[in-house]
C-alpha atoms as a PDB file:
ATOM      1  CA  MET A   1     -17.135  63.117 -37.657  1.00  0.00           C
ATOM      2  CA  ILE A   2     -17.566  60.303 -35.137  1.00  0.00           C
ATOM      3  CA  ARG A   3     -14.518  59.185 -33.321  1.00  0.00           C
ATOM      4  CA  GLN A   4     -14.192  55.410 -32.726  1.00  0.00           C
ATOM      5  CA  ARG A   5     -12.880  54.063 -29.479  1.00  0.00           C
ATOM      6  CA  PRO A   6     -10.153  51.410 -29.566  1.00  0.00           C
ATOM      7  CA  ALA A   7     -11.567  47.972 -28.783  1.00  0.00           C
ATOM      8  CA  PHE A   8     -10.718  44.296 -29.043  1.00  0.00           C
ATOM      9  CA  THR A   9     -11.402  42.638 -32.340  1.00  0.00           C
ATOM     10  CA  LEU A  10     -13.312  39.423 -32.626  1.00  0.00           C
ATOM     11  CA  ILE A  11     -10.134  37.500 -33.473  1.00  0.00           C
ATOM     12  CA  GLU A  12      -8.359  38.768 -30.337  1.00  0.00           C
ATOM     13  CA  ILE A  13     -11.268  37.677 -28.165  1.00  0.00           C
ATOM     14  CA  LEU A  14     -11.381  34.214 -29.770  1.00  0.00           C
ATOM     15  CA  ILE A  15      -7.644  33.733 -29.256  1.00  0.00           C
ATOM     16  CA  SER A  16      -7.875  34.727 -25.587  1.00  0.00           C
ATOM     17  CA  VAL A  17     -10.810  32.337 -25.041  1.00  0.00           C
ATOM     18  CA  LEU A  18      -8.813  29.551 -26.731  1.00  0.00           C
ATOM     19  CA  ILE A  19      -5.781  30.191 -24.499  1.00  0.00           C
ATOM     20  CA  LEU A  20      -7.932  30.232 -21.345  1.00  0.00           C
ATOM     21  CA  SER A  21      -9.794  27.045 -22.285  1.00  0.00           C
ATOM     22  CA  THR A  22      -6.611  25.068 -23.015  1.00  0.00           C
ATOM     23  CA  SER A  23      -5.022  26.191 -19.754  1.00  0.00           C
ATOM     24  CA  ILE A  24      -8.150  25.198 -17.816  1.00  0.00           C
ATOM     25  CA  VAL A  25      -8.136  21.769 -19.485  1.00  0.00           C
ATOM     26  CA  TYR A  26      -4.507  21.190 -18.425  1.00  0.00           C
ATOM     27  CA  ILE A  27      -5.227  22.351 -14.880  1.00  0.00           C
ATOM     28  CA  LEU A  28      -8.188  19.957 -14.632  1.00  0.00           C
ATOM     29  CA  LYS A  29      -6.052  17.114 -15.987  1.00  0.00           C
ATOM     30  CA  ILE A  30      -3.376  17.768 -13.345  1.00  0.00           C
ATOM     31  CA  TYR A  31      -6.061  17.957 -10.635  1.00  0.00           C
ATOM     32  CA  GLU A  32      -7.514  14.622 -11.771  1.00  0.00           C
ATOM     33  CA  GLN A  33      -4.086  12.928 -11.647  1.00  0.00           C
ATOM     34  CA  ASN A  34      -3.406  14.294  -8.154  1.00  0.00           C
ATOM     35  CA  HIS A  35      -6.861  13.197  -7.027  1.00  0.00           C
ATOM     36  CA  GLU A  36      -6.264   9.656  -8.331  1.00  0.00           C
ATOM     37  CA  GLN A  37      -2.890   9.519  -6.569  1.00  0.00           C
ATOM     38  CA  ALA A  38      -4.452  10.703  -3.314  1.00  0.00           C
ATOM     39  CA  ILE A  39      -7.097   7.966  -3.556  1.00  0.00           C
ATOM     40  CA  TYR A  40      -4.423   5.341  -4.336  1.00  0.00           C
ATOM     41  CA  ILE A  41      -2.290   6.399  -1.354  1.00  0.00           C
ATOM     42  CA  SER A  42      -5.327   6.396   0.934  1.00  0.00           C
ATOM     43  CA  GLN A  43      -6.350   2.890  -0.168  1.00  0.00           C
ATOM     44  CA  ARG A  44      -2.745   1.663   0.087  1.00  0.00           C
ATOM     45  CA  ASN A  45      -2.506   2.944   3.677  1.00  0.00           C
ATOM     46  CA  THR A  46      -5.802   1.277   4.565  1.00  0.00           C
ATOM     47  CA  HIS A  47      -4.528  -2.043   3.208  1.00  0.00           C
ATOM     48  CA  ALA A  48      -1.227  -1.616   5.067  1.00  0.00           C
ATOM     49  CA  LEU A  49      -3.171  -1.233   8.328  1.00  0.00           C
ATOM     50  CA  GLN A  50      -5.240  -4.306   7.485  1.00  0.00           C
ATOM     51  CA  ASP A  51      -2.052  -6.241   6.659  1.00  0.00           C
ATOM     52  CA  SER A  52      -0.944  -5.842  10.262  1.00  0.00           C
ATOM     53  CA  LEU A  53      -3.707  -8.298  11.192  1.00  0.00           C
ATOM     54  CA  PHE A  54      -1.858 -11.002   9.205  1.00  0.00           C
ATOM     55  CA  LEU A  55       1.625 -10.624  10.679  1.00  0.00           C
ATOM     56  CA  ALA A  56       1.455 -12.948  13.691  1.00  0.00           C
ATOM     57  CA  LYS A  57       3.912 -15.837  14.059  1.00  0.00           C
ATOM     58  CA  LYS A  58       0.963 -18.165  13.398  1.00  0.00           C
ATOM     59  CA  THR A  59       0.754 -16.856   9.818  1.00  0.00           C
ATOM     60  CA  LEU A  60       3.992 -18.643   8.882  1.00  0.00           C
ATOM     61  CA  LYS A  61       2.191 -22.009   8.715  1.00  0.00           C
ATOM     62  CA  TYR A  62      -0.342 -20.885   6.074  1.00  0.00           C
ATOM     63  CA  HIS A  63       1.697 -21.209   2.878  1.00  0.00           C
ATOM     64  CA  LYS A  64      -0.409 -20.734  -0.292  1.00  0.00           C
ATOM     65  CA  ASP A  65      -3.628 -20.355   1.708  1.00  0.00           C
ATOM     66  CA  GLU A  66      -6.229 -17.630   1.668  1.00  0.00           C
ATOM     67  CA  LYS A  67      -7.240 -16.650   5.170  1.00  0.00           C
ATOM     68  CA  THR A  68      -9.436 -14.000   6.706  1.00  0.00           C
ATOM     69  CA  ALA A  69      -8.365 -11.765   9.541  1.00  0.00           C
ATOM     70  CA  TYR A  70     -10.962 -13.480  11.713  1.00  0.00           C
ATOM     71  CA  ASP A  71      -9.366 -16.896  11.031  1.00  0.00           C
ATOM     72  CA  LEU A  72      -6.028 -15.647  12.327  1.00  0.00           C
ATOM     73  CA  LEU A  73      -7.299 -13.648  15.302  1.00  0.00           C
ATOM     74  CA  SER A  74     -10.200 -15.764  16.570  1.00  0.00           C
ATOM     75  CA  ASP A  75      -8.070 -17.902  18.899  1.00  0.00           C
ATOM     76  CA  GLN A  76      -6.179 -14.889  20.314  1.00  0.00           C
ATOM     77  CA  PHE A  77      -9.104 -12.494  20.749  1.00  0.00           C
ATOM     78  CA  LYS A  78     -12.712 -13.086  21.640  1.00  0.00           C
ATOM     79  CA  VAL A  79     -14.849 -11.127  19.188  1.00  0.00           C
ATOM     80  CA  ASP A  80     -18.389 -11.000  20.539  1.00  0.00           C
ATOM     81  CA  GLU A  81     -19.807  -8.174  18.467  1.00  0.00           C
ATOM     82  CA  LEU A  82     -21.313  -9.405  15.196  1.00  0.00           C
ATOM     83  CA  LYS A  83     -20.393  -6.246  13.290  1.00  0.00           C
ATOM     84  CA  SER A  84     -16.705  -6.565  14.240  1.00  0.00           C
ATOM     85  CA  ARG A  85     -16.726 -10.247  13.367  1.00  0.00           C
ATOM     86  CA  LYS A  86     -18.235  -9.479   9.946  1.00  0.00           C
ATOM     87  CA  ILE A  87     -15.609  -6.808   9.248  1.00  0.00           C
ATOM     88  CA  LEU A  88     -12.779  -9.208  10.146  1.00  0.00           C
ATOM     89  CA  LYS A  89     -14.269 -11.943   7.966  1.00  0.00           C
ATOM     90  CA  ASN A  90     -14.415  -9.546   4.986  1.00  0.00           C
ATOM     91  CA  ILE A  91     -10.665  -8.829   5.201  1.00  0.00           C
ATOM     92  CA  SER A  92      -8.832 -11.665   3.481  1.00  0.00           C
ATOM     93  CA  ARG A  93      -5.370 -12.154   1.965  1.00  0.00           C
ATOM     94  CA  LYS A  94      -3.605 -14.879   0.023  1.00  0.00           C
ATOM     95  CA  ILE A  95      -0.527 -15.827   2.029  1.00  0.00           C
ATOM     96  CA  PHE A  96       2.734 -16.982   0.469  1.00  0.00           C
ATOM     97  CA  ILE A  97       5.671 -17.984   2.690  1.00  0.00           C
ATOM     98  CA  PRO A  98       9.044 -18.589   0.963  1.00  0.00           C
ATOM     99  CA  GLU A  99      11.657 -20.787   2.644  1.00  0.00           C
ATOM    100  CA  THR A 100      13.306 -19.520   5.815  1.00  0.00           C
ATOM    101  CA  GLU A 101      16.638 -17.802   5.219  1.00  0.00           C
ATOM    102  CA  ARG A 102      19.497 -18.248   7.683  1.00  0.00           C
ATOM    103  CA  ILE A 103      21.776 -15.265   8.208  1.00  0.00           C
ATOM    104  CA  THR A 104      25.153 -15.730   9.862  1.00  0.00           C
ATOM    105  CA  ALA A 105      27.883 -13.188  10.416  1.00  0.00           C
ATOM    106  CA  ASP A 106      30.991 -15.353  10.231  1.00  0.00           C
ATOM    107  CA  GLY A 107      34.234 -13.462   9.964  1.00  0.00           C
ATOM    108  CA  GLU A 108      37.002 -14.317   7.487  1.00  0.00           C
ATOM    109  CA  SER A 109      38.879 -16.354  10.113  1.00  0.00           C
ATOM    110  CA  GLY A 110      35.795 -18.476  10.865  1.00  0.00           C
ATOM    111  CA  VAL A 111      35.170 -16.762  14.201  1.00  0.00           C
ATOM    112  CA  SER A 112      31.646 -15.515  14.681  1.00  0.00           C
ATOM    113  CA  GLY A 113      31.631 -11.775  14.149  1.00  0.00           C
ATOM    114  CA  GLY A 114      28.013 -10.915  14.849  1.00  0.00           C
ATOM    115  CA  PRO A 115      24.495 -12.168  15.444  1.00  0.00           C
ATOM    116  CA  ALA A 116      22.915 -15.107  13.659  1.00  0.00           C
ATOM    117  CA  ALA A 117      19.274 -14.933  12.681  1.00  0.00           C
ATOM    118  CA  GLU A 118      16.464 -16.662  10.830  1.00  0.00           C
ATOM    119  CA  VAL A 119      14.418 -14.544   8.453  1.00  0.00           C
ATOM    120  CA  ASP A 120      10.915 -15.489   7.368  1.00  0.00           C
ATOM    121  CA  GLU A 121       9.167 -13.516   4.672  1.00  0.00           C
ATOM    122  CA  ILE A 122       5.402 -13.132   4.635  1.00  0.00           C
ATOM    123  CA  LYS A 123       4.008 -12.157   1.235  1.00  0.00           C
ATOM    124  CA  LEU A 124       0.407 -11.020   1.251  1.00  0.00           C
ATOM    125  CA  LYS A 125      -1.228 -11.121  -2.167  1.00  0.00           C
ATOM    126  CA  GLY A 126      -4.266  -9.136  -3.157  1.00  0.00           C
ATOM    127  CA  GLU A 127      -5.180  -5.763  -4.583  1.00  0.00           C
ATOM    128  CA  PHE A 128      -2.138  -4.147  -2.946  1.00  0.00           C
ATOM    129  CA  SER A 129       0.417  -6.953  -2.562  1.00  0.00           C
ATOM    130  CA  SER A 130       3.095  -6.467   0.063  1.00  0.00           C
ATOM    131  CA  SER A 131       5.972  -8.258   1.782  1.00  0.00           C
ATOM    132  CA  TYR A 132       6.887  -8.320   5.458  1.00  0.00           C
ATOM    133  CA  PHE A 133       9.796  -9.933   7.297  1.00  0.00           C
ATOM    134  CA  HIS A 134       9.949 -11.764  10.607  1.00  0.00           C
ATOM    135  CA  PHE A 135      13.413 -11.899  12.208  1.00  0.00           C
ATOM    136  CA  LYS A 136      14.422 -14.336  14.926  1.00  0.00           C
ATOM    137  CA  ILE A 137      17.856 -13.558  16.378  1.00  0.00           C
ATOM    138  CA  ASP A 138      19.540 -16.728  17.655  1.00  0.00           C
ATOM    139  CA  SER A 139      22.795 -15.545  19.172  1.00  0.00           C
ATOM    140  CA  PHE A 140      25.254 -12.675  19.319  1.00  0.00           C
END
């Protein structure tokens, strides 16, 4: 009489393979989503750094224009190197400037209770649109 050893059946093995494969698919899907988010955040940060080239006071006069970083910086900085000039010319944004807002801090009695300021908004349109504000405090 031959004694049989206990072993896994074919159905048990197929079920375990099915469970492992579905869990691996979900893990890969989560990894892909995290990878896409990491790429998005990296590109967004790069554009935010490039946006800083467009935030000079001079930018406020370019309403509904598309300008390159070189256009805005060429009169303030001398860019001799051709590679740097080419990089600055490749960075462009559409600029939209809404009307200037006036902020006053008048109290209920009509007496000035705080600073007065002018606020200009600079909207930069493109792949990653963004808004920035320029404050000019007039008086306290």
